[in-house]
Amino acid sequence: MITGEQIRAARAILKWTADGLAQKSEIGVATIRRLEAMNGIPTGQARILDAIQRTLEQAGVEFIGTPDHQPGVRLK
């Protein structure tokens, strides 16, 4: 699972807006913003987090660490 901080960081590294991520992942922008506002693993449906993670990974983001130990992002 990814953290809210990783979602924010991944968007920043790609220079995407929340609206852009919402369109690309087919998840509502309000949901994206709500998940990003949470620290740690966001509460919500796993399928939504998976869709966001897949979208960001397809754009070249690599999620590193674990939610409990040095979570981060980098470009592949």
C-alpha atoms as a PDB file:
ATOM      1  CA  MET A   1       0.000   0.000   0.000  1.00  0.00           C
ATOM      2  CA  ILE A   2       1.051   3.588  -0.550  1.00  0.00           C
ATOM      3  CA  THR A   3       0.787   6.524   1.829  1.00  0.00           C
ATOM      4  CA  GLY A   4      -0.881   9.882   1.406  1.00  0.00           C
ATOM      5  CA  GLU A   5       2.552  11.484   1.480  1.00  0.00           C
ATOM      6  CA  GLN A   6       3.737   9.229  -1.356  1.00  0.00           C
ATOM      7  CA  ILE A   7       0.740  10.172  -3.492  1.00  0.00           C
ATOM      8  CA  ARG A   8       1.494  13.880  -2.972  1.00  0.00           C
ATOM      9  CA  ALA A   9       5.205  13.373  -3.668  1.00  0.00           C
ATOM     10  CA  ALA A  10       4.534  11.296  -6.788  1.00  0.00           C
ATOM     11  CA  ARG A  11       2.236  13.977  -8.172  1.00  0.00           C
ATOM     12  CA  ALA A  12       4.842  16.626  -7.445  1.00  0.00           C
ATOM     13  CA  ILE A  13       7.646  14.711  -9.142  1.00  0.00           C
ATOM     14  CA  LEU A  14       5.448  14.306 -12.234  1.00  0.00           C
ATOM     15  CA  LYS A  15       4.229  17.929 -12.025  1.00  0.00           C
ATOM     16  CA  TRP A  16       0.629  16.705 -12.114  1.00  0.00           C
ATOM     17  CA  THR A  17      -2.301  18.487 -10.529  1.00  0.00           C
ATOM     18  CA  ALA A  18      -4.818  16.616  -8.404  1.00  0.00           C
ATOM     19  CA  ASP A  19      -7.257  17.088 -11.276  1.00  0.00           C
ATOM     20  CA  GLY A  20      -4.790  15.503 -13.700  1.00  0.00           C
ATOM     21  CA  LEU A  21      -4.253  12.463 -11.485  1.00  0.00           C
ATOM     22  CA  ALA A  22      -8.003  12.159 -10.999  1.00  0.00           C
ATOM     23  CA  GLN A  23      -8.608  12.108 -14.752  1.00  0.00           C
ATOM     24  CA  LYS A  24      -5.798   9.671 -15.482  1.00  0.00           C
ATOM     25  CA  SER A  25      -6.765   7.266 -12.681  1.00  0.00           C
ATOM     26  CA  GLU A  26     -10.531   7.730 -13.140  1.00  0.00           C
ATOM     27  CA  ILE A  27     -10.866   8.537  -9.428  1.00  0.00           C
ATOM     28  CA  GLY A  28     -12.700  11.643  -8.223  1.00  0.00           C
ATOM     29  CA  VAL A  29     -10.559  14.685  -7.464  1.00  0.00           C
ATOM     30  CA  ALA A  30     -12.171  15.042  -4.024  1.00  0.00           C
ATOM     31  CA  THR A  31     -11.086  11.476  -3.254  1.00  0.00           C
ATOM     32  CA  ILE A  32      -7.521  12.197  -4.398  1.00  0.00           C
ATOM     33  CA  ARG A  33      -7.357  15.279  -2.175  1.00  0.00           C
ATOM     34  CA  ARG A  34      -8.842  13.420   0.796  1.00  0.00           C
ATOM     35  CA  LEU A  35      -6.332  10.569   0.482  1.00  0.00           C
ATOM     36  CA  GLU A  36      -3.399  12.966   0.117  1.00  0.00           C
ATOM     37  CA  ALA A  37      -4.425  14.809   3.265  1.00  0.00           C
ATOM     38  CA  MET A  38      -4.029  11.659   5.361  1.00  0.00           C
ATOM     39  CA  ASN A  39      -0.765  10.664   6.988  1.00  0.00           C
ATOM     40  CA  GLY A  40       0.305   7.062   6.548  1.00  0.00           C
ATOM     41  CA  ILE A  41      -1.833   4.574   4.673  1.00  0.00           C
ATOM     42  CA  PRO A  42      -5.083   6.334   3.834  1.00  0.00           C
ATOM     43  CA  THR A  43      -8.335   4.767   4.901  1.00  0.00           C
ATOM     44  CA  GLY A  44     -10.423   3.850   1.921  1.00  0.00           C
ATOM     45  CA  GLN A  45     -11.006   1.126  -0.568  1.00  0.00           C
ATOM     46  CA  ALA A  46      -7.947  -0.836  -1.598  1.00  0.00           C
ATOM     47  CA  ARG A  47      -9.051  -0.795  -5.250  1.00  0.00           C
ATOM     48  CA  ILE A  48      -8.907   3.014  -5.272  1.00  0.00           C
ATOM     49  CA  LEU A  49      -5.385   3.082  -3.832  1.00  0.00           C
ATOM     50  CA  ASP A  50      -4.361   0.372  -6.309  1.00  0.00           C
ATOM     51  CA  ALA A  51      -5.731   2.402  -9.239  1.00  0.00           C
ATOM     52  CA  ILE A  52      -3.833   5.486  -8.101  1.00  0.00           C
ATOM     53  CA  GLN A  53      -0.621   3.523  -7.575  1.00  0.00           C
ATOM     54  CA  ARG A  54      -0.905   1.814 -10.978  1.00  0.00           C
ATOM     55  CA  THR A  55      -1.505   5.152 -12.723  1.00  0.00           C
ATOM     56  CA  LEU A  56       1.525   6.749 -11.085  1.00  0.00           C
ATOM     57  CA  GLU A  57       3.735   3.722 -11.770  1.00  0.00           C
ATOM     58  CA  GLN A  58       2.717   3.728 -15.443  1.00  0.00           C
ATOM     59  CA  ALA A  59       3.869   7.349 -15.573  1.00  0.00           C
ATOM     60  CA  GLY A  60       7.316   6.335 -14.310  1.00  0.00           C
ATOM     61  CA  VAL A  61       7.067   6.664 -10.536  1.00  0.00           C
ATOM     62  CA  GLU A  62       8.655   4.003  -8.372  1.00  0.00           C
ATOM     63  CA  PHE A  63       7.446   3.622  -4.798  1.00  0.00           C
ATOM     64  CA  ILE A  64      10.259   2.784  -2.398  1.00  0.00           C
ATOM     65  CA  GLY A  65      10.410   1.705   1.208  1.00  0.00           C
ATOM     66  CA  THR A  66       7.357   0.525   3.086  1.00  0.00           C
ATOM     67  CA  PRO A  67       4.596   2.554   4.705  1.00  0.00           C
ATOM     68  CA  ASP A  68       6.283   1.918   8.060  1.00  0.00           C
ATOM     69  CA  HIS A  69       9.912   2.243   7.013  1.00  0.00           C
ATOM     70  CA  GLN A  70      11.238   5.096   4.877  1.00  0.00           C
ATOM     71  CA  PRO A  71       8.389   5.440   2.363  1.00  0.00           C
ATOM     72  CA  GLY A  72       9.319   7.480  -0.679  1.00  0.00           C
ATOM     73  CA  VAL A  73       9.106   7.906  -4.434  1.00  0.00           C
ATOM     74  CA  ARG A  74      11.511   8.309  -7.313  1.00  0.00           C
ATOM     75  CA  LEU A  75      11.405   8.309 -11.083  1.00  0.00           C
ATOM     76  CA  LYS A  76      12.435   5.098 -12.799  1.00  0.00           C
END
